[in-house]
Amino acid sequence: MSSNIDTLVRMANDISNFFNADPDKEIAAEGMRNHLAKSWDVRMRKAIIAHLSEHNGEGLSPLAKTAISRITA
């Protein structure tokens, strides 16, 4: 992975750790999706979506993969 994608994966996993505290994983995934959609700029979202699509989200937590799969770049 490139250092840019490594950083995005790390950031996404940090965010997923926060939202993963919710016992309802559907609410956690939606909360994370909302956060990424509002807080990450379009280039970041496109890069992480491409990473999920092209590399099966290597390094991403399961919650991060679910949330990212729901983002519309």
N, C-alpha and C. Protein backbone atom coordinates (compact mmCIF):
# COMPACT_ATOMS: atom_id res chain seq x y z
N MET A 1 0.85 -1.19 0.00
CA MET A 1 0.00 0.00 0.00
C MET A 1 0.88 1.24 0.00
N SER A 2 0.38 2.27 -0.62
CA SER A 2 1.12 3.53 -0.62
C SER A 2 0.95 4.19 0.74
N SER A 3 1.85 5.12 1.04
CA SER A 3 1.77 5.78 2.35
C SER A 3 0.47 6.57 2.49
N ASN A 4 -0.05 7.13 1.37
CA ASN A 4 -1.31 7.85 1.44
C ASN A 4 -2.46 6.92 1.83
N ILE A 5 -2.53 5.75 1.21
CA ILE A 5 -3.61 4.83 1.53
C ILE A 5 -3.39 4.25 2.92
N ASP A 6 -2.13 4.02 3.31
CA ASP A 6 -1.85 3.56 4.68
C ASP A 6 -2.41 4.53 5.69
N THR A 7 -2.24 5.81 5.44
CA THR A 7 -2.75 6.84 6.35
C THR A 7 -4.26 6.82 6.39
N LEU A 8 -4.89 6.71 5.23
CA LEU A 8 -6.35 6.68 5.19
C LEU A 8 -6.91 5.43 5.88
N VAL A 9 -6.25 4.29 5.69
CA VAL A 9 -6.67 3.06 6.35
C VAL A 9 -6.55 3.22 7.87
N ARG A 10 -5.43 3.77 8.32
CA ARG A 10 -5.24 3.99 9.75
C ARG A 10 -6.33 4.91 10.31
N MET A 11 -6.57 6.00 9.59
CA MET A 11 -7.59 6.96 10.04
C MET A 11 -8.98 6.30 10.07
N ALA A 12 -9.32 5.55 9.03
CA ALA A 12 -10.62 4.86 8.99
C ALA A 12 -10.75 3.87 10.13
N ASN A 13 -9.69 3.13 10.42
CA ASN A 13 -9.73 2.18 11.52
C ASN A 13 -9.86 2.88 12.87
N ASP A 14 -9.20 4.02 13.04
CA ASP A 14 -9.35 4.79 14.27
C ASP A 14 -10.80 5.23 14.45
N ILE A 15 -11.41 5.69 13.38
CA ILE A 15 -12.81 6.12 13.43
C ILE A 15 -13.71 4.91 13.71
N SER A 16 -13.42 3.79 13.09
CA SER A 16 -14.25 2.60 13.32
C SER A 16 -14.13 2.13 14.76
N ASN A 17 -12.96 2.29 15.37
CA ASN A 17 -12.81 1.92 16.79
C ASN A 17 -13.74 2.73 17.67
N PHE A 18 -13.90 4.02 17.35
CA PHE A 18 -14.81 4.87 18.11
C PHE A 18 -16.25 4.38 17.93
N PHE A 19 -16.69 4.20 16.70
CA PHE A 19 -18.08 3.83 16.44
C PHE A 19 -18.37 2.38 16.82
N ASN A 20 -17.35 1.54 16.85
CA ASN A 20 -17.52 0.13 17.20
C ASN A 20 -17.96 -0.07 18.65
N ALA A 21 -17.84 0.97 19.46
CA ALA A 21 -18.28 0.88 20.86
C ALA A 21 -19.80 0.70 20.95
N ASP A 22 -20.52 1.12 19.90
CA ASP A 22 -21.98 0.95 19.89
C ASP A 22 -22.30 -0.52 19.70
N PRO A 23 -23.10 -1.11 20.58
CA PRO A 23 -23.41 -2.54 20.44
C PRO A 23 -24.24 -2.85 19.20
N ASP A 24 -24.96 -1.87 18.68
CA ASP A 24 -25.74 -2.05 17.45
C ASP A 24 -24.84 -1.71 16.27
N LYS A 25 -24.35 -2.74 15.60
CA LYS A 25 -23.36 -2.53 14.52
C LYS A 25 -23.97 -1.82 13.32
N GLU A 26 -25.27 -1.91 13.13
CA GLU A 26 -25.91 -1.16 12.04
C GLU A 26 -25.83 0.34 12.33
N ILE A 27 -26.11 0.72 13.56
CA ILE A 27 -26.00 2.12 13.96
C ILE A 27 -24.55 2.58 13.89
N ALA A 28 -23.62 1.71 14.30
CA ALA A 28 -22.20 2.04 14.24
C ALA A 28 -21.75 2.28 12.80
N ALA A 29 -22.16 1.41 11.88
CA ALA A 29 -21.77 1.56 10.47
C ALA A 29 -22.36 2.84 9.88
N GLU A 30 -23.60 3.13 10.21
CA GLU A 30 -24.22 4.33 9.68
C GLU A 30 -23.57 5.59 10.26
N GLY A 31 -23.23 5.54 11.54
CA GLY A 31 -22.55 6.67 12.17
C GLY A 31 -21.19 6.93 11.52
N MET A 32 -20.46 5.86 11.27
CA MET A 32 -19.16 6.02 10.63
C MET A 32 -19.33 6.52 9.20
N ARG A 33 -20.29 5.98 8.47
CA ARG A 33 -20.54 6.45 7.10
C ARG A 33 -20.85 7.94 7.10
N ASN A 34 -21.71 8.37 8.00
CA ASN A 34 -22.05 9.79 8.09
C ASN A 34 -20.82 10.64 8.39
N HIS A 35 -19.99 10.17 9.31
CA HIS A 35 -18.78 10.91 9.67
C HIS A 35 -17.86 11.07 8.46
N LEU A 36 -17.63 9.98 7.76
CA LEU A 36 -16.74 10.04 6.59
C LEU A 36 -17.32 10.93 5.50
N ALA A 37 -18.62 10.83 5.28
CA ALA A 37 -19.26 11.63 4.24
C ALA A 37 -19.19 13.13 4.55
N LYS A 38 -19.26 13.48 5.82
CA LYS A 38 -19.25 14.89 6.21
C LYS A 38 -17.85 15.43 6.47
N SER A 39 -16.94 14.59 6.96
CA SER A 39 -15.66 15.08 7.44
C SER A 39 -14.49 14.86 6.49
N TRP A 40 -14.57 13.88 5.63
CA TRP A 40 -13.47 13.61 4.70
C TRP A 40 -13.75 14.33 3.39
N ASP A 41 -12.70 14.90 2.80
CA ASP A 41 -12.93 15.56 1.52
C ASP A 41 -13.09 14.50 0.43
N VAL A 42 -13.60 14.93 -0.69
CA VAL A 42 -13.97 14.00 -1.76
C VAL A 42 -12.78 13.16 -2.24
N ARG A 43 -11.58 13.72 -2.26
CA ARG A 43 -10.40 12.94 -2.70
C ARG A 43 -10.12 11.80 -1.73
N MET A 44 -10.27 12.08 -0.43
CA MET A 44 -10.04 11.04 0.57
C MET A 44 -11.09 9.93 0.42
N ARG A 45 -12.35 10.32 0.27
CA ARG A 45 -13.42 9.33 0.11
C ARG A 45 -13.21 8.49 -1.14
N LYS A 46 -12.87 9.14 -2.24
CA LYS A 46 -12.64 8.39 -3.49
C LYS A 46 -11.49 7.40 -3.33
N ALA A 47 -10.43 7.82 -2.66
CA ALA A 47 -9.26 6.95 -2.48
C ALA A 47 -9.59 5.73 -1.63
N ILE A 48 -10.34 5.93 -0.54
CA ILE A 48 -10.65 4.79 0.33
C ILE A 48 -11.68 3.87 -0.31
N ILE A 49 -12.61 4.44 -1.08
CA ILE A 49 -13.57 3.62 -1.82
C ILE A 49 -12.84 2.78 -2.87
N ALA A 50 -11.89 3.38 -3.57
CA ALA A 50 -11.10 2.65 -4.56
C ALA A 50 -10.29 1.55 -3.88
N HIS A 51 -9.74 1.83 -2.72
CA HIS A 51 -8.97 0.81 -1.99
C HIS A 51 -9.87 -0.38 -1.63
N LEU A 52 -11.08 -0.08 -1.20
CA LEU A 52 -12.01 -1.16 -0.86
C LEU A 52 -12.35 -1.96 -2.11
N SER A 53 -12.60 -1.27 -3.20
CA SER A 53 -12.99 -1.92 -4.45
C SER A 53 -11.84 -2.70 -5.09
N GLU A 54 -10.68 -2.10 -5.16
CA GLU A 54 -9.56 -2.68 -5.91
C GLU A 54 -8.70 -3.65 -5.09
N HIS A 55 -8.68 -3.45 -3.77
CA HIS A 55 -7.80 -4.27 -2.93
C HIS A 55 -8.56 -4.94 -1.78
N ASN A 56 -9.88 -5.04 -1.95
CA ASN A 56 -10.74 -5.66 -0.94
C ASN A 56 -10.55 -5.02 0.44
N GLY A 57 -10.17 -3.75 0.45
CA GLY A 57 -10.05 -3.03 1.72
C GLY A 57 -8.96 -3.57 2.63
N GLU A 58 -7.87 -4.03 2.03
CA GLU A 58 -6.77 -4.59 2.82
C GLU A 58 -6.43 -3.68 3.99
N GLY A 59 -6.43 -4.27 5.19
CA GLY A 59 -6.06 -3.54 6.39
C GLY A 59 -7.21 -2.85 7.11
N LEU A 60 -8.36 -2.77 6.45
CA LEU A 60 -9.51 -2.10 7.07
C LEU A 60 -10.25 -3.06 8.00
N SER A 61 -10.78 -2.50 9.08
CA SER A 61 -11.60 -3.29 9.99
C SER A 61 -12.91 -3.66 9.30
N PRO A 62 -13.59 -4.69 9.78
CA PRO A 62 -14.89 -5.05 9.19
C PRO A 62 -15.90 -3.89 9.22
N LEU A 63 -15.94 -3.15 10.32
CA LEU A 63 -16.87 -2.02 10.41
C LEU A 63 -16.51 -0.94 9.39
N ALA A 64 -15.23 -0.66 9.24
CA ALA A 64 -14.79 0.33 8.26
C ALA A 64 -15.18 -0.11 6.86
N LYS A 65 -15.00 -1.38 6.53
CA LYS A 65 -15.39 -1.87 5.21
C LYS A 65 -16.88 -1.68 4.96
N THR A 66 -17.68 -2.00 5.96
CA THR A 66 -19.13 -1.85 5.82
C THR A 66 -19.49 -0.39 5.61
N ALA A 67 -18.95 0.49 6.44
CA ALA A 67 -19.27 1.91 6.34
C ALA A 67 -18.81 2.49 5.00
N ILE A 68 -17.61 2.15 4.58
CA ILE A 68 -17.06 2.69 3.34
C ILE A 68 -17.86 2.19 2.14
N SER A 69 -18.34 0.95 2.21
CA SER A 69 -19.13 0.42 1.10
C SER A 69 -20.44 1.16 0.91
N ARG A 70 -20.86 1.92 1.92
CA ARG A 70 -22.11 2.66 1.86
C ARG A 70 -21.94 4.12 1.45
N ILE A 71 -20.70 4.54 1.26
CA ILE A 71 -20.43 5.94 0.90
C ILE A 71 -20.62 6.11 -0.60
N THR A 72 -21.22 7.22 -0.97
CA THR A 72 -21.26 7.62 -2.37
C THR A 72 -20.26 8.74 -2.53
N ALA A 73 -19.22 8.48 -3.28
CA ALA A 73 -18.15 9.48 -3.46
C ALA A 73 -18.73 10.68 -4.15
